[in-house]
N, C-alpha and C. Protein backbone atom coordinates (compact mmCIF):
# COMPACT_ATOMS: atom_id res chain seq x y z
N MET A 1 11.37 25.97 12.43
CA MET A 1 11.48 27.03 11.43
C MET A 1 10.78 28.30 11.94
N ILE A 2 11.44 29.45 11.81
CA ILE A 2 10.88 30.72 12.28
C ILE A 2 9.63 31.05 11.49
N GLY A 3 8.54 31.32 12.20
CA GLY A 3 7.30 31.71 11.55
C GLY A 3 6.43 30.54 11.12
N GLU A 4 6.93 29.31 11.25
CA GLU A 4 6.14 28.15 10.80
C GLU A 4 4.85 28.00 11.59
N GLU A 5 4.94 28.14 12.92
CA GLU A 5 3.75 28.00 13.76
C GLU A 5 2.71 29.06 13.43
N LEU A 6 3.19 30.28 13.19
CA LEU A 6 2.29 31.38 12.86
C LEU A 6 1.55 31.11 11.55
N ILE A 7 2.30 30.64 10.55
CA ILE A 7 1.72 30.33 9.25
C ILE A 7 0.70 29.21 9.37
N LEU A 8 1.07 28.16 10.11
CA LEU A 8 0.17 27.01 10.27
C LEU A 8 -1.09 27.38 11.05
N ASP A 9 -0.93 28.24 12.07
CA ASP A 9 -2.11 28.69 12.82
C ASP A 9 -3.08 29.43 11.91
N PHE A 10 -2.51 30.25 11.00
CA PHE A 10 -3.36 30.97 10.07
C PHE A 10 -4.07 30.01 9.12
N PHE A 11 -3.31 29.06 8.55
CA PHE A 11 -3.87 28.12 7.60
C PHE A 11 -4.93 27.22 8.24
N ASN A 12 -4.70 26.85 9.50
CA ASN A 12 -5.58 25.89 10.17
C ASN A 12 -7.03 26.38 10.30
N GLN A 13 -7.24 27.67 10.14
CA GLN A 13 -8.59 28.21 10.22
C GLN A 13 -9.46 27.77 9.04
N PHE A 14 -8.81 27.32 7.95
CA PHE A 14 -9.55 27.08 6.71
C PHE A 14 -9.67 25.61 6.34
N GLY A 15 -9.31 24.71 7.25
CA GLY A 15 -9.53 23.29 7.04
C GLY A 15 -8.89 22.72 5.78
N PRO A 16 -9.61 21.84 5.06
CA PRO A 16 -9.05 21.20 3.87
C PRO A 16 -8.58 22.19 2.80
N PHE A 17 -9.23 23.34 2.70
CA PHE A 17 -8.78 24.35 1.73
C PHE A 17 -7.37 24.81 2.07
N ALA A 18 -7.07 24.97 3.36
CA ALA A 18 -5.73 25.38 3.78
C ALA A 18 -4.71 24.30 3.43
N LEU A 19 -5.10 23.04 3.60
CA LEU A 19 -4.21 21.93 3.24
C LEU A 19 -3.88 21.98 1.75
N ALA A 20 -4.90 22.25 0.93
CA ALA A 20 -4.69 22.35 -0.51
C ALA A 20 -3.75 23.51 -0.84
N LEU A 21 -3.97 24.65 -0.19
CA LEU A 21 -3.16 25.83 -0.45
C LEU A 21 -1.71 25.61 -0.02
N LEU A 22 -1.52 25.02 1.16
CA LEU A 22 -0.17 24.76 1.65
C LEU A 22 0.56 23.77 0.74
N SER A 23 -0.13 22.72 0.33
CA SER A 23 0.47 21.72 -0.54
C SER A 23 0.79 22.29 -1.91
N PHE A 24 -0.11 23.11 -2.43
CA PHE A 24 0.09 23.73 -3.75
C PHE A 24 1.29 24.66 -3.75
N THR A 25 1.38 25.53 -2.75
CA THR A 25 2.47 26.52 -2.72
C THR A 25 3.81 25.88 -2.37
N GLU A 26 3.79 24.80 -1.56
CA GLU A 26 5.04 24.13 -1.21
C GLU A 26 5.70 23.52 -2.45
N ALA A 27 4.89 23.07 -3.40
CA ALA A 27 5.43 22.46 -4.61
C ALA A 27 5.98 23.50 -5.59
N ILE A 28 5.76 24.78 -5.28
CA ILE A 28 6.26 25.84 -6.16
C ILE A 28 7.45 26.55 -5.52
N ILE A 29 7.25 27.05 -4.26
CA ILE A 29 8.30 27.91 -3.71
C ILE A 29 8.45 27.88 -2.20
N GLN A 30 7.35 27.77 -1.43
CA GLN A 30 7.48 27.96 0.02
C GLN A 30 8.03 26.69 0.70
N PRO A 31 8.69 26.83 1.86
CA PRO A 31 9.47 25.73 2.44
C PRO A 31 8.74 24.78 3.38
N ILE A 32 7.50 25.10 3.80
CA ILE A 32 6.82 24.26 4.79
C ILE A 32 6.17 23.06 4.10
N PRO A 33 6.59 21.84 4.43
CA PRO A 33 6.01 20.66 3.77
C PRO A 33 4.56 20.45 4.18
N PRO A 34 3.72 19.96 3.27
CA PRO A 34 2.30 19.77 3.61
C PRO A 34 2.08 18.72 4.68
N ASP A 35 3.07 17.87 4.93
CA ASP A 35 2.93 16.82 5.95
C ASP A 35 2.62 17.40 7.32
N VAL A 36 3.17 18.58 7.63
CA VAL A 36 2.98 19.15 8.97
C VAL A 36 1.52 19.53 9.22
N MET A 37 0.74 19.71 8.16
CA MET A 37 -0.69 19.95 8.31
C MET A 37 -1.50 18.69 8.02
N PHE A 38 -1.05 17.94 7.03
CA PHE A 38 -1.77 16.73 6.62
C PHE A 38 -1.81 15.69 7.74
N LEU A 39 -0.68 15.48 8.41
CA LEU A 39 -0.61 14.45 9.44
C LEU A 39 -1.57 14.69 10.61
N PRO A 40 -1.60 15.90 11.21
CA PRO A 40 -2.58 16.13 12.28
C PRO A 40 -4.03 16.02 11.81
N MET A 41 -4.29 16.49 10.58
CA MET A 41 -5.66 16.39 10.06
C MET A 41 -6.04 14.92 9.85
N ALA A 42 -5.10 14.14 9.31
CA ALA A 42 -5.36 12.71 9.12
C ALA A 42 -5.55 12.01 10.46
N TYR A 43 -4.78 12.42 11.45
CA TYR A 43 -4.90 11.83 12.79
C TYR A 43 -6.28 12.11 13.39
N ASP A 44 -6.73 13.34 13.22
CA ASP A 44 -8.05 13.71 13.76
C ASP A 44 -9.18 12.94 13.07
N GLU A 45 -8.97 12.56 11.81
CA GLU A 45 -10.01 11.87 11.03
C GLU A 45 -9.72 10.38 10.87
N ARG A 46 -8.86 9.82 11.74
CA ARG A 46 -8.41 8.44 11.55
C ARG A 46 -9.53 7.41 11.68
N ASP A 47 -10.65 7.79 12.29
CA ASP A 47 -11.77 6.86 12.42
C ASP A 47 -12.71 6.90 11.22
N SER A 48 -12.43 7.79 10.27
CA SER A 48 -13.27 7.92 9.08
C SER A 48 -12.42 7.67 7.83
N SER A 49 -12.54 6.48 7.27
CA SER A 49 -11.73 6.14 6.09
C SER A 49 -12.07 7.02 4.90
N SER A 50 -13.34 7.42 4.76
CA SER A 50 -13.74 8.26 3.63
C SER A 50 -13.11 9.65 3.74
N MET A 51 -13.03 10.20 4.96
CA MET A 51 -12.41 11.51 5.16
C MET A 51 -10.90 11.43 4.96
N LEU A 52 -10.30 10.32 5.38
CA LEU A 52 -8.87 10.13 5.15
C LEU A 52 -8.57 10.09 3.65
N LEU A 53 -9.40 9.39 2.91
CA LEU A 53 -9.22 9.32 1.45
C LEU A 53 -9.38 10.71 0.83
N TRP A 54 -10.33 11.49 1.32
CA TRP A 54 -10.56 12.83 0.80
C TRP A 54 -9.35 13.74 1.07
N LEU A 55 -8.81 13.68 2.28
CA LEU A 55 -7.63 14.47 2.61
C LEU A 55 -6.42 14.04 1.78
N TRP A 56 -6.29 12.73 1.59
CA TRP A 56 -5.20 12.20 0.76
C TRP A 56 -5.31 12.71 -0.67
N PHE A 57 -6.52 12.71 -1.21
CA PHE A 57 -6.72 13.22 -2.56
C PHE A 57 -6.38 14.70 -2.65
N ILE A 58 -6.83 15.48 -1.67
CA ILE A 58 -6.58 16.93 -1.67
C ILE A 58 -5.08 17.23 -1.66
N VAL A 59 -4.34 16.62 -0.71
CA VAL A 59 -2.92 16.94 -0.57
C VAL A 59 -2.13 16.46 -1.79
N THR A 60 -2.51 15.33 -2.36
CA THR A 60 -1.81 14.81 -3.54
C THR A 60 -2.11 15.66 -4.77
N PHE A 61 -3.39 15.92 -5.03
CA PHE A 61 -3.79 16.68 -6.21
C PHE A 61 -3.20 18.09 -6.17
N ALA A 62 -3.29 18.76 -5.02
CA ALA A 62 -2.79 20.13 -4.91
C ALA A 62 -1.28 20.17 -5.08
N SER A 63 -0.57 19.17 -4.56
CA SER A 63 0.88 19.13 -4.68
C SER A 63 1.31 18.96 -6.14
N VAL A 64 0.65 18.05 -6.85
CA VAL A 64 0.99 17.83 -8.26
C VAL A 64 0.63 19.06 -9.09
N LEU A 65 -0.51 19.69 -8.78
CA LEU A 65 -0.91 20.90 -9.50
C LEU A 65 0.12 22.01 -9.28
N GLY A 66 0.60 22.16 -8.05
CA GLY A 66 1.64 23.15 -7.77
C GLY A 66 2.93 22.83 -8.50
N ALA A 67 3.26 21.55 -8.58
CA ALA A 67 4.48 21.14 -9.28
C ALA A 67 4.41 21.46 -10.76
N ILE A 68 3.21 21.38 -11.34
CA ILE A 68 3.03 21.75 -12.76
C ILE A 68 3.35 23.23 -12.95
N VAL A 69 2.89 24.06 -12.00
CA VAL A 69 3.21 25.49 -12.05
C VAL A 69 4.72 25.68 -11.92
N GLY A 70 5.35 24.95 -10.98
CA GLY A 70 6.81 25.03 -10.81
C GLY A 70 7.54 24.60 -12.08
N HIS A 71 7.06 23.56 -12.71
CA HIS A 71 7.64 23.07 -13.97
C HIS A 71 7.56 24.16 -15.04
N THR A 72 6.40 24.81 -15.12
CA THR A 72 6.20 25.88 -16.11
C THR A 72 7.13 27.06 -15.84
N LEU A 73 7.23 27.46 -14.57
CA LEU A 73 8.14 28.55 -14.20
C LEU A 73 9.58 28.18 -14.50
N GLY A 74 9.93 26.92 -14.22
CA GLY A 74 11.28 26.46 -14.52
C GLY A 74 11.58 26.49 -16.01
N LYS A 75 10.57 26.16 -16.80
CA LYS A 75 10.74 26.16 -18.26
C LYS A 75 10.98 27.57 -18.78
N VAL A 76 10.30 28.56 -18.15
CA VAL A 76 10.41 29.94 -18.61
C VAL A 76 11.63 30.64 -18.03
N TYR A 77 11.85 30.45 -16.72
CA TYR A 77 12.90 31.22 -16.04
C TYR A 77 14.06 30.37 -15.53
N GLY A 78 13.88 29.06 -15.50
CA GLY A 78 14.86 28.19 -14.84
C GLY A 78 16.25 28.26 -15.42
N THR A 79 16.37 28.27 -16.76
CA THR A 79 17.68 28.29 -17.40
C THR A 79 18.44 29.56 -17.02
N LYS A 80 17.75 30.69 -17.03
CA LYS A 80 18.39 31.96 -16.67
C LYS A 80 18.86 31.95 -15.23
N LEU A 81 18.01 31.42 -14.33
CA LEU A 81 18.37 31.40 -12.91
C LEU A 81 19.53 30.45 -12.65
N LEU A 82 19.50 29.27 -13.28
CA LEU A 82 20.58 28.31 -13.09
C LEU A 82 21.91 28.85 -13.61
N ASP A 83 21.86 29.54 -14.76
CA ASP A 83 23.09 30.11 -15.32
C ASP A 83 23.58 31.31 -14.51
N ARG A 84 22.63 32.02 -13.89
CA ARG A 84 23.01 33.20 -13.11
C ARG A 84 23.66 32.81 -11.79
N PHE A 85 23.10 31.79 -11.12
CA PHE A 85 23.61 31.41 -9.80
C PHE A 85 24.55 30.20 -9.86
N GLY A 86 24.72 29.63 -11.02
CA GLY A 86 25.63 28.50 -11.18
C GLY A 86 26.43 28.65 -12.45
N LYS A 87 26.89 27.53 -12.97
CA LYS A 87 27.67 27.55 -14.19
C LYS A 87 26.90 26.80 -15.29
N PRO A 88 27.02 27.26 -16.54
CA PRO A 88 26.29 26.59 -17.63
C PRO A 88 26.57 25.09 -17.72
N GLN A 89 27.80 24.68 -17.40
CA GLN A 89 28.11 23.25 -17.49
C GLN A 89 27.36 22.44 -16.44
N HIS A 90 27.08 23.09 -15.27
CA HIS A 90 26.29 22.41 -14.24
C HIS A 90 24.85 22.23 -14.72
N ARG A 91 24.32 23.28 -15.36
CA ARG A 91 22.96 23.18 -15.90
C ARG A 91 22.88 22.08 -16.95
N LYS A 92 23.89 22.01 -17.81
CA LYS A 92 23.90 20.99 -18.86
C LYS A 92 23.96 19.59 -18.25
N ARG A 93 24.69 19.47 -17.15
CA ARG A 93 24.77 18.18 -16.46
C ARG A 93 23.41 17.79 -15.90
N LEU A 94 22.70 18.78 -15.30
CA LEU A 94 21.36 18.51 -14.78
C LEU A 94 20.40 18.13 -15.91
N GLU A 95 20.52 18.82 -17.04
CA GLU A 95 19.66 18.50 -18.18
C GLU A 95 19.91 17.06 -18.65
N PHE A 96 21.19 16.68 -18.67
CA PHE A 96 21.52 15.31 -19.08
C PHE A 96 20.92 14.29 -18.12
N LEU A 97 21.02 14.58 -16.80
CA LEU A 97 20.49 13.66 -15.80
C LEU A 97 18.97 13.52 -15.93
N PHE A 98 18.30 14.63 -16.24
CA PHE A 98 16.85 14.55 -16.38
C PHE A 98 16.44 13.86 -17.68
N GLU A 99 17.25 14.01 -18.72
CA GLU A 99 16.97 13.27 -19.95
C GLU A 99 17.09 11.77 -19.71
N ARG A 100 18.04 11.39 -18.87
CA ARG A 100 18.33 9.98 -18.64
C ARG A 100 17.48 9.37 -17.53
N TYR A 101 17.29 10.12 -16.44
CA TYR A 101 16.60 9.56 -15.27
C TYR A 101 15.37 10.38 -14.88
N GLY A 102 14.87 11.21 -15.79
CA GLY A 102 13.84 12.19 -15.43
C GLY A 102 12.66 11.65 -14.67
N THR A 103 11.97 10.63 -15.22
CA THR A 103 10.76 10.12 -14.58
C THR A 103 11.07 9.49 -13.23
N TRP A 104 12.13 8.67 -13.17
CA TRP A 104 12.52 8.05 -11.90
C TRP A 104 13.00 9.09 -10.91
N GLY A 105 13.73 10.10 -11.41
CA GLY A 105 14.20 11.16 -10.53
C GLY A 105 13.05 11.93 -9.90
N MET A 106 12.03 12.23 -10.69
CA MET A 106 10.88 12.95 -10.16
C MET A 106 10.08 12.08 -9.20
N PHE A 107 9.99 10.78 -9.50
CA PHE A 107 9.28 9.86 -8.59
C PHE A 107 9.98 9.82 -7.24
N ILE A 108 11.32 9.71 -7.26
CA ILE A 108 12.09 9.68 -6.00
C ILE A 108 11.91 10.98 -5.23
N ALA A 109 11.97 12.12 -5.95
CA ALA A 109 11.78 13.42 -5.29
C ALA A 109 10.39 13.54 -4.70
N ALA A 110 9.38 13.01 -5.40
CA ALA A 110 7.99 13.14 -4.96
C ALA A 110 7.69 12.30 -3.73
N VAL A 111 8.34 11.15 -3.60
CA VAL A 111 8.01 10.24 -2.50
C VAL A 111 8.95 10.41 -1.30
N SER A 112 10.03 11.15 -1.48
CA SER A 112 11.07 11.24 -0.47
C SER A 112 11.09 12.62 0.19
N PRO A 113 11.99 12.82 1.17
CA PRO A 113 12.12 14.16 1.77
C PRO A 113 12.92 15.14 0.92
N LEU A 114 13.32 14.74 -0.28
CA LEU A 114 14.03 15.66 -1.17
C LEU A 114 13.12 16.83 -1.54
N PRO A 115 13.69 18.02 -1.81
CA PRO A 115 12.87 19.21 -2.11
C PRO A 115 12.17 19.09 -3.47
N TYR A 116 10.90 18.73 -3.43
CA TYR A 116 10.11 18.49 -4.64
C TYR A 116 10.07 19.70 -5.55
N LYS A 117 9.97 20.90 -4.94
CA LYS A 117 9.87 22.13 -5.73
C LYS A 117 11.12 22.36 -6.58
N VAL A 118 12.29 22.06 -6.01
CA VAL A 118 13.54 22.26 -6.74
C VAL A 118 13.61 21.36 -7.96
N PHE A 119 13.19 20.10 -7.77
CA PHE A 119 13.20 19.16 -8.89
C PHE A 119 12.19 19.58 -9.95
N GLY A 120 11.05 20.15 -9.52
CA GLY A 120 10.07 20.63 -10.49
C GLY A 120 10.62 21.75 -11.35
N TRP A 121 11.30 22.70 -10.73
CA TRP A 121 11.91 23.80 -11.47
C TRP A 121 12.99 23.27 -12.43
N ILE A 122 13.82 22.37 -11.93
CA ILE A 122 14.90 21.82 -12.77
C ILE A 122 14.33 21.01 -13.92
N ALA A 123 13.25 20.25 -13.65
CA ALA A 123 12.62 19.47 -14.71
C ALA A 123 12.10 20.39 -15.81
N GLY A 124 11.52 21.51 -15.43
CA GLY A 124 11.05 22.47 -16.42
C GLY A 124 12.20 23.09 -17.19
N ALA A 125 13.26 23.46 -16.47
CA ALA A 125 14.42 24.08 -17.11
C ALA A 125 15.11 23.12 -18.07
N SER A 126 15.05 21.84 -17.77
CA SER A 126 15.71 20.85 -18.63
C SER A 126 14.76 20.29 -19.70
N GLU A 127 13.57 20.92 -19.82
CA GLU A 127 12.62 20.56 -20.87
C GLU A 127 12.08 19.14 -20.73
N MET A 128 11.96 18.66 -19.49
CA MET A 128 11.33 17.36 -19.28
C MET A 128 9.88 17.44 -19.72
N LYS A 129 9.41 16.43 -20.44
CA LYS A 129 8.04 16.42 -20.93
C LYS A 129 7.06 16.42 -19.77
N LEU A 130 5.94 17.13 -19.97
CA LEU A 130 5.00 17.33 -18.87
C LEU A 130 4.28 16.04 -18.48
N GLN A 131 3.94 15.20 -19.44
CA GLN A 131 3.16 13.99 -19.13
C GLN A 131 3.89 13.05 -18.17
N PRO A 132 5.14 12.64 -18.46
CA PRO A 132 5.83 11.78 -17.48
C PRO A 132 6.10 12.49 -16.15
N PHE A 133 6.29 13.80 -16.21
CA PHE A 133 6.47 14.59 -15.00
C PHE A 133 5.24 14.49 -14.10
N ILE A 134 4.06 14.62 -14.69
CA ILE A 134 2.81 14.54 -13.93
C ILE A 134 2.59 13.13 -13.40
N VAL A 135 2.83 12.13 -14.25
CA VAL A 135 2.63 10.74 -13.84
C VAL A 135 3.53 10.40 -12.65
N ALA A 136 4.82 10.81 -12.73
CA ALA A 136 5.75 10.55 -11.64
C ALA A 136 5.29 11.26 -10.36
N GLY A 137 4.78 12.48 -10.51
CA GLY A 137 4.30 13.23 -9.35
C GLY A 137 3.08 12.58 -8.70
N ILE A 138 2.13 12.13 -9.53
CA ILE A 138 0.92 11.49 -8.98
C ILE A 138 1.28 10.23 -8.22
N PHE A 139 2.10 9.38 -8.81
CA PHE A 139 2.47 8.13 -8.13
C PHE A 139 3.35 8.40 -6.92
N GLY A 140 4.32 9.31 -7.05
CA GLY A 140 5.23 9.59 -5.94
C GLY A 140 4.55 10.26 -4.77
N ARG A 141 3.83 11.36 -5.05
CA ARG A 141 3.14 12.07 -3.96
C ARG A 141 2.00 11.22 -3.41
N GLY A 142 1.30 10.53 -4.31
CA GLY A 142 0.22 9.65 -3.85
C GLY A 142 0.72 8.57 -2.91
N LEU A 143 1.88 7.98 -3.24
CA LEU A 143 2.46 6.95 -2.39
C LEU A 143 2.91 7.53 -1.05
N ARG A 144 3.58 8.68 -1.10
CA ARG A 144 4.08 9.29 0.15
C ARG A 144 2.93 9.60 1.11
N PHE A 145 1.94 10.36 0.64
CA PHE A 145 0.85 10.77 1.53
C PHE A 145 -0.09 9.60 1.83
N GLY A 146 -0.23 8.68 0.88
CA GLY A 146 -1.07 7.51 1.11
C GLY A 146 -0.52 6.62 2.20
N LEU A 147 0.79 6.42 2.21
CA LEU A 147 1.42 5.62 3.26
C LEU A 147 1.25 6.29 4.63
N GLU A 148 1.40 7.62 4.65
CA GLU A 148 1.21 8.34 5.91
C GLU A 148 -0.21 8.14 6.45
N ALA A 149 -1.19 8.29 5.57
CA ALA A 149 -2.59 8.14 5.98
C ALA A 149 -2.88 6.71 6.43
N LEU A 150 -2.35 5.74 5.68
CA LEU A 150 -2.59 4.33 6.02
C LEU A 150 -1.99 3.97 7.38
N LEU A 151 -0.76 4.43 7.62
CA LEU A 151 -0.10 4.12 8.90
C LEU A 151 -0.81 4.78 10.07
N ILE A 152 -1.28 6.00 9.88
CA ILE A 152 -2.03 6.66 10.95
C ILE A 152 -3.36 5.95 11.19
N TYR A 153 -3.99 5.51 10.12
CA TYR A 153 -5.27 4.77 10.24
C TYR A 153 -5.05 3.47 11.02
N LEU A 154 -3.93 2.78 10.76
CA LEU A 154 -3.68 1.48 11.37
C LEU A 154 -3.08 1.58 12.77
N TYR A 155 -2.17 2.56 12.97
CA TYR A 155 -1.39 2.57 14.20
C TYR A 155 -1.57 3.82 15.07
N GLY A 156 -2.31 4.82 14.61
CA GLY A 156 -2.66 5.96 15.43
C GLY A 156 -1.50 6.72 16.03
N ASP A 157 -1.41 6.74 17.36
CA ASP A 157 -0.40 7.54 18.07
C ASP A 157 1.02 7.14 17.70
N ALA A 158 1.27 5.84 17.59
CA ALA A 158 2.63 5.37 17.28
C ALA A 158 3.08 5.88 15.91
N ALA A 159 2.19 5.83 14.95
CA ALA A 159 2.52 6.32 13.60
C ALA A 159 2.73 7.83 13.61
N MET A 160 1.92 8.55 14.38
CA MET A 160 2.05 10.00 14.47
C MET A 160 3.39 10.38 15.09
N ASP A 161 3.78 9.68 16.14
CA ASP A 161 5.07 9.95 16.80
C ASP A 161 6.23 9.68 15.84
N ALA A 162 6.16 8.58 15.10
CA ALA A 162 7.22 8.24 14.15
C ALA A 162 7.30 9.26 13.03
N ALA A 163 6.15 9.68 12.51
CA ALA A 163 6.13 10.67 11.43
C ALA A 163 6.69 12.00 11.90
N THR A 164 6.36 12.41 13.12
CA THR A 164 6.88 13.67 13.67
C THR A 164 8.40 13.59 13.83
N TRP A 165 8.90 12.45 14.29
CA TRP A 165 10.34 12.25 14.44
C TRP A 165 11.04 12.39 13.09
N LEU A 166 10.46 11.78 12.06
CA LEU A 166 11.05 11.85 10.72
C LEU A 166 11.01 13.27 10.16
N LEU A 167 9.90 13.97 10.36
CA LEU A 167 9.79 15.34 9.86
C LEU A 167 10.80 16.26 10.52
N ASP A 168 11.06 16.04 11.80
CA ASP A 168 12.05 16.86 12.50
C ASP A 168 13.46 16.66 11.95
N ARG A 169 13.67 15.55 11.27
CA ARG A 169 15.00 15.23 10.72
C ARG A 169 14.98 15.17 9.20
N GLU A 170 14.02 15.85 8.60
CA GLU A 170 13.82 15.77 7.15
C GLU A 170 15.03 16.28 6.37
N LEU A 171 15.62 17.39 6.81
CA LEU A 171 16.77 17.95 6.11
C LEU A 171 17.95 16.98 6.12
N PHE A 172 18.21 16.40 7.30
CA PHE A 172 19.31 15.44 7.41
C PHE A 172 19.06 14.22 6.51
N MET A 173 17.83 13.74 6.50
CA MET A 173 17.48 12.58 5.67
C MET A 173 17.64 12.91 4.19
N ALA A 174 17.27 14.13 3.80
CA ALA A 174 17.40 14.54 2.40
C ALA A 174 18.87 14.54 1.97
N VAL A 175 19.74 15.06 2.85
CA VAL A 175 21.17 15.08 2.54
C VAL A 175 21.71 13.66 2.38
N VAL A 176 21.34 12.78 3.31
CA VAL A 176 21.79 11.39 3.24
C VAL A 176 21.29 10.72 1.97
N LEU A 177 20.01 10.96 1.63
CA LEU A 177 19.44 10.34 0.43
C LEU A 177 20.10 10.86 -0.83
N LEU A 178 20.38 12.16 -0.89
CA LEU A 178 21.07 12.72 -2.05
C LEU A 178 22.46 12.11 -2.21
N ALA A 179 23.17 11.96 -1.09
CA ALA A 179 24.50 11.35 -1.14
C ALA A 179 24.41 9.91 -1.63
N ALA A 180 23.41 9.18 -1.15
CA ALA A 180 23.23 7.78 -1.57
C ALA A 180 22.89 7.69 -3.05
N LEU A 181 22.00 8.57 -3.51
CA LEU A 181 21.64 8.57 -4.94
C LEU A 181 22.83 8.93 -5.80
N GLY A 182 23.63 9.92 -5.34
CA GLY A 182 24.83 10.29 -6.08
C GLY A 182 25.79 9.12 -6.21
N ALA A 183 25.95 8.36 -5.12
CA ALA A 183 26.84 7.19 -5.14
C ALA A 183 26.31 6.11 -6.08
N VAL A 184 24.99 5.90 -6.08
CA VAL A 184 24.39 4.90 -6.98
C VAL A 184 24.59 5.30 -8.44
N PHE A 185 24.30 6.57 -8.78
CA PHE A 185 24.47 7.03 -10.16
C PHE A 185 25.94 6.97 -10.59
N TRP A 186 26.86 7.33 -9.67
CA TRP A 186 28.28 7.25 -9.99
C TRP A 186 28.68 5.82 -10.27
N TRP A 187 28.23 4.88 -9.42
CA TRP A 187 28.57 3.47 -9.61
C TRP A 187 28.00 2.95 -10.92
N PHE A 188 26.73 3.32 -11.20
CA PHE A 188 26.09 2.86 -12.44
C PHE A 188 26.84 3.37 -13.67
N ASN A 189 27.21 4.65 -13.67
CA ASN A 189 27.91 5.23 -14.82
C ASN A 189 29.32 4.66 -14.97
N SER A 190 30.02 4.45 -13.85
CA SER A 190 31.37 3.91 -13.93
C SER A 190 31.35 2.46 -14.40
N THR A 191 30.35 1.70 -13.95
CA THR A 191 30.21 0.30 -14.39
C THR A 191 29.89 0.23 -15.87
N LYS A 192 29.00 1.11 -16.33
CA LYS A 192 28.64 1.13 -17.74
C LYS A 192 29.83 1.52 -18.60
N GLY A 193 30.62 2.49 -18.09
CA GLY A 193 31.82 2.93 -18.84
C GLY A 193 32.84 1.81 -18.96
N THR A 194 33.00 1.02 -17.89
CA THR A 194 33.95 -0.10 -17.91
C THR A 194 33.49 -1.17 -18.89
N GLU A 195 32.18 -1.46 -18.92
CA GLU A 195 31.64 -2.44 -19.85
C GLU A 195 31.84 -2.01 -21.30
N THR A 196 31.69 -0.69 -21.57
CA THR A 196 31.88 -0.16 -22.93
C THR A 196 33.33 -0.32 -23.36
N GLU A 197 34.26 -0.05 -22.44
CA GLU A 197 35.68 -0.17 -22.78
C GLU A 197 36.05 -1.62 -23.08
N ILE A 198 35.48 -2.56 -22.30
CA ILE A 198 35.77 -3.98 -22.53
C ILE A 198 35.24 -4.44 -23.89
N ALA A 199 34.00 -3.97 -24.21
CA ALA A 199 33.39 -4.33 -25.49
C ALA A 199 34.17 -3.74 -26.64
């Protein structure tokens, strides 16, 4: 990504505070995932379990806090933006999906390479309640970053290489995961519709 190295070099001067800032802003609007800073920091501190736990707490807490801001912005401006750049029926479809799968949808977005910020804005625009939104974010982001820290603690270089490989292909993985989720939801809805007709 153009400018990513420059941004990270600037942030790296401020240690854990930079990690918090990067994680917080990524959950609202900016495109650089906190993993690109969290992973090297976790690798450097892999011999200190207490420091790993501290970094894990920082990246998780800041990400969820940023998502709350994104949710609030989505609640205030999201409907207007979705209607301006899309169609009202698409927004209504998203609102329906969040009413039905909101907590699980946010959990999947939080733990996966899917764009967490986009789901936060949509959750706000669709009036998803804040409490389940926060709970899903804590468990999802906590699981994602916690697994990264645990694997680096246990496997060191091998885990770092694997994580870097995955991050380099994050966009492709997100597209594949979205397609898979779409297929699952389509199958679930079509199966339920068939059962209703039979009944």
